């Protein structure tokens, strides 16, 4: 892939399973990536496994398997 990830930390090594590009060209992180990161960023991510609700600003439920 030849996308420009210059805005991301040099420490962050993204695998192909960690994200995909939307039709608009945005990077969309997968649930796998969020779990690997280990915490909720509270940005209302599409695949948030932590149950964050951007309408209330709370994490509703979190069960780590």
PDB file of N, CA and C in Angstrom:
ATOM      1  N   UNK A   1       0.837  -1.182   0.000  1.00  0.00           N
ATOM      2  CA  UNK A   1       0.000   0.000   0.000  1.00  0.00           C
ATOM      3  C   UNK A   1       0.878   1.239   0.000  1.00  0.00           C
ATOM      4  N   UNK A   2       0.415   2.275  -0.636  1.00  0.00           N
ATOM      5  CA  UNK A   2       1.237   3.470  -0.759  1.00  0.00           C
ATOM      6  C   UNK A   2       0.600   4.684  -0.095  1.00  0.00           C
ATOM      7  N   UNK A   3      -0.252   4.464   0.932  1.00  0.00           N
ATOM      8  CA  UNK A   3      -0.880   5.589   1.617  1.00  0.00           C
ATOM      9  C   UNK A   3       0.159   6.335   2.431  1.00  0.00           C
ATOM     10  N   UNK A   4      -0.096   7.620   2.663  1.00  0.00           N
ATOM     11  CA  UNK A   4       0.802   8.441   3.464  1.00  0.00           C
ATOM     12  C   UNK A   4       0.305   8.450   4.902  1.00  0.00           C
ATOM     13  N   UNK A   5       1.040   7.809   5.802  1.00  0.00           N
ATOM     14  CA  UNK A   5       0.688   7.770   7.204  1.00  0.00           C
ATOM     15  C   UNK A   5       1.617   8.675   8.018  1.00  0.00           C
ATOM     16  N   UNK A   6       2.074   9.759   7.442  1.00  0.00           N
ATOM     17  CA  UNK A   6       3.042  10.621   8.108  1.00  0.00           C
ATOM     18  C   UNK A   6       2.484  11.266   9.369  1.00  0.00           C
ATOM     19  N   UNK A   7       1.165  11.330   9.497  1.00  0.00           N
ATOM     20  CA  UNK A   7       0.568  11.910  10.697  1.00  0.00           C
ATOM     21  C   UNK A   7       0.536  10.962  11.869  1.00  0.00           C
ATOM     22  N   UNK A   8       0.921   9.715  11.676  1.00  0.00           N
ATOM     23  CA  UNK A   8       0.894   8.729  12.746  1.00  0.00           C
ATOM     24  C   UNK A   8       2.268   8.586  13.371  1.00  0.00           C
ATOM     25  N   UNK A   9       2.265   8.154  14.613  1.00  0.00           N
ATOM     26  CA  UNK A   9       3.504   7.949  15.349  1.00  0.00           C
ATOM     27  C   UNK A   9       4.384   6.924  14.648  1.00  0.00           C
ATOM     28  N   UNK A  10       5.662   7.129  14.699  1.00  0.00           N
ATOM     29  CA  UNK A  10       6.610   6.176  14.114  1.00  0.00           C
ATOM     30  C   UNK A  10       6.558   4.846  14.873  1.00  0.00           C
ATOM     31  N   UNK A  11       6.122   4.874  16.144  1.00  0.00           N
ATOM     32  CA  UNK A  11       6.032   3.656  16.944  1.00  0.00           C
ATOM     33  C   UNK A  11       4.874   2.773  16.507  1.00  0.00           C
ATOM     34  N   UNK A  12       3.887   3.355  15.858  1.00  0.00           N
ATOM     35  CA  UNK A  12       2.693   2.617  15.477  1.00  0.00           C
ATOM     36  C   UNK A  12       2.929   1.876  14.165  1.00  0.00           C
ATOM     37  N   UNK A  13       2.959   0.575  14.251  1.00  0.00           N
ATOM     38  CA  UNK A  13       3.121  -0.245  13.061  1.00  0.00           C
ATOM     39  C   UNK A  13       1.768  -0.839  12.717  1.00  0.00           C
ATOM     40  N   UNK A  14       1.189  -0.380  11.635  1.00  0.00           N
ATOM     41  CA  UNK A  14      -0.134  -0.837  11.246  1.00  0.00           C
ATOM     42  C   UNK A  14      -0.031  -2.048  10.332  1.00  0.00           C
ATOM     43  N   UNK A  15      -0.796  -3.072  10.666  1.00  0.00           N
ATOM     44  CA  UNK A  15      -0.923  -4.245   9.812  1.00  0.00           C
ATOM     45  C   UNK A  15      -2.136  -4.045   8.927  1.00  0.00           C
ATOM     46  N   UNK A  16      -2.221  -4.812   7.855  1.00  0.00           N
ATOM     47  CA  UNK A  16      -3.368  -4.708   6.953  1.00  0.00           C
ATOM     48  C   UNK A  16      -4.682  -5.035   7.657  1.00  0.00           C
ATOM     49  N   UNK A  17      -4.630  -5.859   8.727  1.00  0.00           N
ATOM     50  CA  UNK A  17      -5.838  -6.226   9.461  1.00  0.00           C
ATOM     51  C   UNK A  17      -6.270  -5.143  10.441  1.00  0.00           C
ATOM     52  N   UNK A  18      -5.441  -4.121  10.660  1.00  0.00           N
ATOM     53  CA  UNK A  18      -5.721  -3.077  11.643  1.00  0.00           C
ATOM     54  C   UNK A  18      -6.620  -1.967  11.112  1.00  0.00           C
ATOM     55  N   UNK A  19      -6.757  -1.859   9.811  1.00  0.00           N
ATOM     56  CA  UNK A  19      -7.517  -0.755   9.234  1.00  0.00           C
ATOM     57  C   UNK A  19      -7.967  -1.088   7.817  1.00  0.00           C
ATOM     58  N   UNK A  20      -8.863  -0.273   7.320  1.00  0.00           N
ATOM     59  CA  UNK A  20      -9.200  -0.302   5.896  1.00  0.00           C
ATOM     60  C   UNK A  20      -9.503   1.127   5.485  1.00  0.00           C
ATOM     61  N   UNK A  21      -9.516   1.382   4.201  1.00  0.00           N
ATOM     62  CA  UNK A  21      -9.817   2.719   3.697  1.00  0.00           C
ATOM     63  C   UNK A  21     -11.276   2.778   3.284  1.00  0.00           C
ATOM     64  N   UNK A  22     -11.972   3.820   3.746  1.00  0.00           N
ATOM     65  CA  UNK A  22     -13.370   4.005   3.371  1.00  0.00           C
ATOM     66  C   UNK A  22     -13.449   4.481   1.926  1.00  0.00           C
ATOM     67  N   UNK A  23     -14.652   4.504   1.392  1.00  0.00           N
ATOM     68  CA  UNK A  23     -14.840   4.985   0.018  1.00  0.00           C
ATOM     69  C   UNK A  23     -14.389   6.430  -0.129  1.00  0.00           C
ATOM     70  N   UNK A  24     -14.467   7.178   0.969  1.00  0.00           N
ATOM     71  CA  UNK A  24     -14.052   8.589   0.943  1.00  0.00           C
ATOM     72  C   UNK A  24     -12.543   8.752   1.115  1.00  0.00           C
ATOM     73  N   UNK A  25     -11.839   7.649   1.413  1.00  0.00           N
ATOM     74  CA  UNK A  25     -10.389   7.702   1.565  1.00  0.00           C
ATOM     75  C   UNK A  25      -9.924   7.844   2.999  1.00  0.00           C
ATOM     76  N   UNK A  26     -10.831   7.728   3.973  1.00  0.00           N
ATOM     77  CA  UNK A  26     -10.459   7.825   5.380  1.00  0.00           C
ATOM     78  C   UNK A  26      -9.942   6.482   5.883  1.00  0.00           C
ATOM     79  N   UNK A  27      -9.039   6.530   6.860  1.00  0.00           N
ATOM     80  CA  UNK A  27      -8.569   5.328   7.527  1.00  0.00           C
ATOM     81  C   UNK A  27      -9.604   4.957   8.576  1.00  0.00           C
ATOM     82  N   UNK A  28     -10.088   3.712   8.545  1.00  0.00           N
ATOM     83  CA  UNK A  28     -11.055   3.218   9.520  1.00  0.00           C
ATOM     84  C   UNK A  28     -10.381   2.074  10.267  1.00  0.00           C
ATOM     85  N   UNK A  29     -10.179   2.259  11.568  1.00  0.00           N
ATOM     86  CA  UNK A  29      -9.535   1.233  12.368  1.00  0.00           C
ATOM     87  C   UNK A  29     -10.519   0.129  12.715  1.00  0.00           C
ATOM     88  N   UNK A  30     -10.033  -1.109  12.709  1.00  0.00           N
ATOM     89  CA  UNK A  30     -10.868  -2.270  12.994  1.00  0.00           C
ATOM     90  C   UNK A  30     -10.928  -2.503  14.508  1.00  0.00           C
ATOM     91  N   UNK A  31     -11.858  -3.371  14.907  1.00  0.00           N
ATOM     92  CA  UNK A  31     -11.965  -3.748  16.320  1.00  0.00           C
ATOM     93  C   UNK A  31     -10.648  -4.356  16.797  1.00  0.00           C
ATOM     94  N   UNK A  32     -10.011  -5.148  15.944  1.00  0.00           N
ATOM     95  CA  UNK A  32      -8.731  -5.762  16.290  1.00  0.00           C
ATOM     96  C   UNK A  32      -7.698  -4.702  16.672  1.00  0.00           C
ATOM     97  N   UNK A  33      -7.639  -3.612  15.905  1.00  0.00           N
ATOM     98  CA  UNK A  33      -6.683  -2.549  16.200  1.00  0.00           C
ATOM     99  C   UNK A  33      -6.978  -1.912  17.551  1.00  0.00           C
ATOM    100  N   UNK A  34      -8.255  -1.620  17.807  1.00  0.00           N
ATOM    101  CA  UNK A  34      -8.624  -0.986  19.080  1.00  0.00           C
ATOM    102  C   UNK A  34      -8.266  -1.877  20.260  1.00  0.00           C
ATOM    103  N   UNK A  35      -8.520  -3.175  20.145  1.00  0.00           N
ATOM    104  CA  UNK A  35      -8.174  -4.098  21.223  1.00  0.00           C
ATOM    105  C   UNK A  35      -6.661  -4.181  21.407  1.00  0.00           C
ATOM    106  N   UNK A  36      -5.917  -4.147  20.304  1.00  0.00           N
ATOM    107  CA  UNK A  36      -4.456  -4.182  20.386  1.00  0.00           C
ATOM    108  C   UNK A  36      -3.928  -2.913  21.060  1.00  0.00           C
ATOM    109  N   UNK A  37      -4.572  -1.778  20.794  1.00  0.00           N
ATOM    110  CA  UNK A  37      -4.163  -0.518  21.413  1.00  0.00           C
ATOM    111  C   UNK A  37      -4.408  -0.565  22.911  1.00  0.00           C
ATOM    112  N   UNK A  38      -5.537  -1.176  23.327  1.00  0.00           N
ATOM    113  CA  UNK A  38      -5.753  -1.430  24.741  1.00  0.00           C
ATOM    114  C   UNK A  38      -6.575  -0.426  25.524  1.00  0.00           C
ATOM    115  N   UNK A  39      -7.087   0.611  24.890  1.00  0.00           N
ATOM    116  CA  UNK A  39      -7.917   1.574  25.604  1.00  0.00           C
ATOM    117  C   UNK A  39      -8.848   2.280  24.625  1.00  0.00           C
ATOM    118  N   UNK A  40      -9.885   2.904  25.168  1.00  0.00           N
ATOM    119  CA  UNK A  40     -10.837   3.660  24.349  1.00  0.00           C
ATOM    120  C   UNK A  40     -10.371   5.110  24.242  1.00  0.00           C
ATOM    121  N   UNK A  41     -10.345   5.636  23.032  1.00  0.00           N
ATOM    122  CA  UNK A  41      -9.916   7.024  22.821  1.00  0.00           C
ATOM    123  C   UNK A  41     -11.084   7.998  22.929  1.00  0.00           C
ATOM    124  N   UNK A  42     -12.295   7.487  23.092  1.00  0.00           N
ATOM    125  CA  UNK A  42     -13.518   8.287  23.245  1.00  0.00           C
ATOM    126  C   UNK A  42     -13.749   9.228  22.061  1.00  0.00           C
ATOM    127  N   UNK A  43     -13.467   8.721  20.862  1.00  0.00           N
ATOM    128  CA  UNK A  43     -13.701   9.502  19.653  1.00  0.00           C
ATOM    129  C   UNK A  43     -14.931   9.030  18.883  1.00  0.00           C
ATOM    130  N   UNK A  44     -15.619   8.021  19.405  1.00  0.00           N
ATOM    131  CA  UNK A  44     -16.803   7.500  18.722  1.00  0.00           C
ATOM    132  C   UNK A  44     -16.457   6.677  17.499  1.00  0.00           C
ATOM    133  N   UNK A  45     -15.401   5.893  17.594  1.00  0.00           N
ATOM    134  CA  UNK A  45     -14.941   5.084  16.463  1.00  0.00           C
ATOM    135  C   UNK A  45     -16.001   4.080  16.023  1.00  0.00           C
ATOM    136  N   UNK A  46     -16.056   3.838  14.746  1.00  0.00           N
ATOM    137  CA  UNK A  46     -17.051   2.954  14.152  1.00  0.00           C
ATOM    138  C   UNK A  46     -16.987   1.540  14.726  1.00  0.00           C
ATOM    139  N   UNK A  47     -15.794   1.030  14.971  1.00  0.00           N
ATOM    140  CA  UNK A  47     -15.631  -0.353  15.430  1.00  0.00           C
ATOM    141  C   UNK A  47     -15.148  -0.422  16.878  1.00  0.00           C
ATOM    142  N   UNK A  48     -15.580   0.510  17.709  1.00  0.00           N
ATOM    143  CA  UNK A  48     -15.137   0.548  19.103  1.00  0.00           C
ATOM    144  C   UNK A  48     -15.636  -0.683  19.859  1.00  0.00           C
ATOM    145  N   UNK A  49     -14.715  -1.496  20.406  1.00  0.00           N
ATOM    146  CA  UNK A  49     -15.123  -2.674  21.165  1.00  0.00           C
ATOM    147  C   UNK A  49     -15.392  -2.361  22.638  1.00  0.00           C
ATOM    148  N   UNK A  50     -15.205  -1.107  23.040  1.00  0.00           N
ATOM    149  CA  UNK A  50     -15.316  -0.737  24.447  1.00  0.00           C
ATOM    150  C   UNK A  50     -16.697  -0.213  24.831  1.00  0.00           C
ATOM    151  N   UNK A  51     -17.587  -0.061  23.868  1.00  0.00           N
ATOM    152  CA  UNK A  51     -18.948   0.367  24.158  1.00  0.00           C
ATOM    153  C   UNK A  51     -19.103   1.851  24.399  1.00  0.00           C
ATOM    154  N   UNK A  52     -18.201   2.668  23.867  1.00  0.00           N
ATOM    155  CA  UNK A  52     -18.296   4.108  24.070  1.00  0.00           C
ATOM    156  C   UNK A  52     -19.484   4.672  23.310  1.00  0.00           C
ATOM    157  N   UNK A  53     -20.273   5.496  24.001  1.00  0.00           N
ATOM    158  CA  UNK A  53     -21.433   6.153  23.401  1.00  0.00           C
ATOM    159  C   UNK A  53     -21.132   7.642  23.296  1.00  0.00           C
ATOM    160  N   UNK A  54     -20.888   8.156  22.086  1.00  0.00           N
ATOM    161  CA  UNK A  54     -20.539   9.575  21.948  1.00  0.00           C
ATOM    162  C   UNK A  54     -21.683  10.518  22.338  1.00  0.00           C
ATOM    163  N   UNK A  55     -22.919  10.019  22.329  1.00  0.00           N
ATOM    164  CA  UNK A  55     -24.056  10.865  22.720  1.00  0.00           C
ATOM    165  C   UNK A  55     -24.048  11.156  24.213  1.00  0.00           C
ATOM    166  N   UNK A  56     -23.649  10.170  25.016  1.00  0.00           N
ATOM    167  CA  UNK A  56     -23.638  10.349  26.467  1.00  0.00           C
ATOM    168  C   UNK A  56     -22.240  10.635  27.002  1.00  0.00           C
ATOM    169  N   UNK A  57     -21.213  10.249  26.237  1.00  0.00           N
ATOM    170  CA  UNK A  57     -19.843  10.443  26.681  1.00  0.00           C
ATOM    171  C   UNK A  57     -19.390   9.392  27.682  1.00  0.00           C
ATOM    172  N   UNK A  58     -20.110   8.278  27.741  1.00  0.00           N
ATOM    173  CA  UNK A  58     -19.776   7.215  28.684  1.00  0.00           C
ATOM    174  C   UNK A  58     -19.474   5.910  27.962  1.00  0.00           C
ATOM    175  N   UNK A  59     -18.681   5.087  28.625  1.00  0.00           N
ATOM    176  CA  UNK A  59     -18.447   3.731  28.140  1.00  0.00           C
ATOM    177  C   UNK A  59     -19.530   2.874  28.768  1.00  0.00           C
ATOM    178  N   UNK A  60     -20.435   2.335  27.950  1.00  0.00           N
ATOM    179  CA  UNK A  60     -21.599   1.617  28.443  1.00  0.00           C
ATOM    180  C   UNK A  60     -21.285   0.224  28.938  1.00  0.00           C
ATOM    181  N   UNK A  61     -20.504  -0.515  28.202  1.00  0.00           N
ATOM    182  CA  UNK A  61     -20.169  -1.869  28.626  1.00  0.00           C
ATOM    183  C   UNK A  61     -18.841  -2.263  28.036  1.00  0.00           C
ATOM    184  N   UNK A  62     -18.084  -2.993  28.787  1.00  0.00           N
ATOM    185  CA  UNK A  62     -16.797  -3.461  28.308  1.00  0.00           C
ATOM    186  C   UNK A  62     -16.564  -4.857  28.841  1.00  0.00           C
ATOM    187  N   UNK A  63     -16.450  -5.780  27.930  1.00  0.00           N
ATOM    188  CA  UNK A  63     -16.114  -7.155  28.304  1.00  0.00           C
ATOM    189  C   UNK A  63     -14.956  -7.604  27.429  1.00  0.00           C
ATOM    190  N   UNK A  64     -13.823  -7.827  28.035  1.00  0.00           N
ATOM    191  CA  UNK A  64     -12.640  -8.261  27.291  1.00  0.00           C
ATOM    192  C   UNK A  64     -12.566  -9.772  27.378  1.00  0.00           C
ATOM    193  N   UNK A  65     -12.531 -10.426  26.230  1.00  0.00           N
ATOM    194  CA  UNK A  65     -12.481 -11.889  26.195  1.00  0.00           C
ATOM    195  C   UNK A  65     -11.067 -12.382  26.275  1.00  0.00           C
TER     196      UNK A  65
END
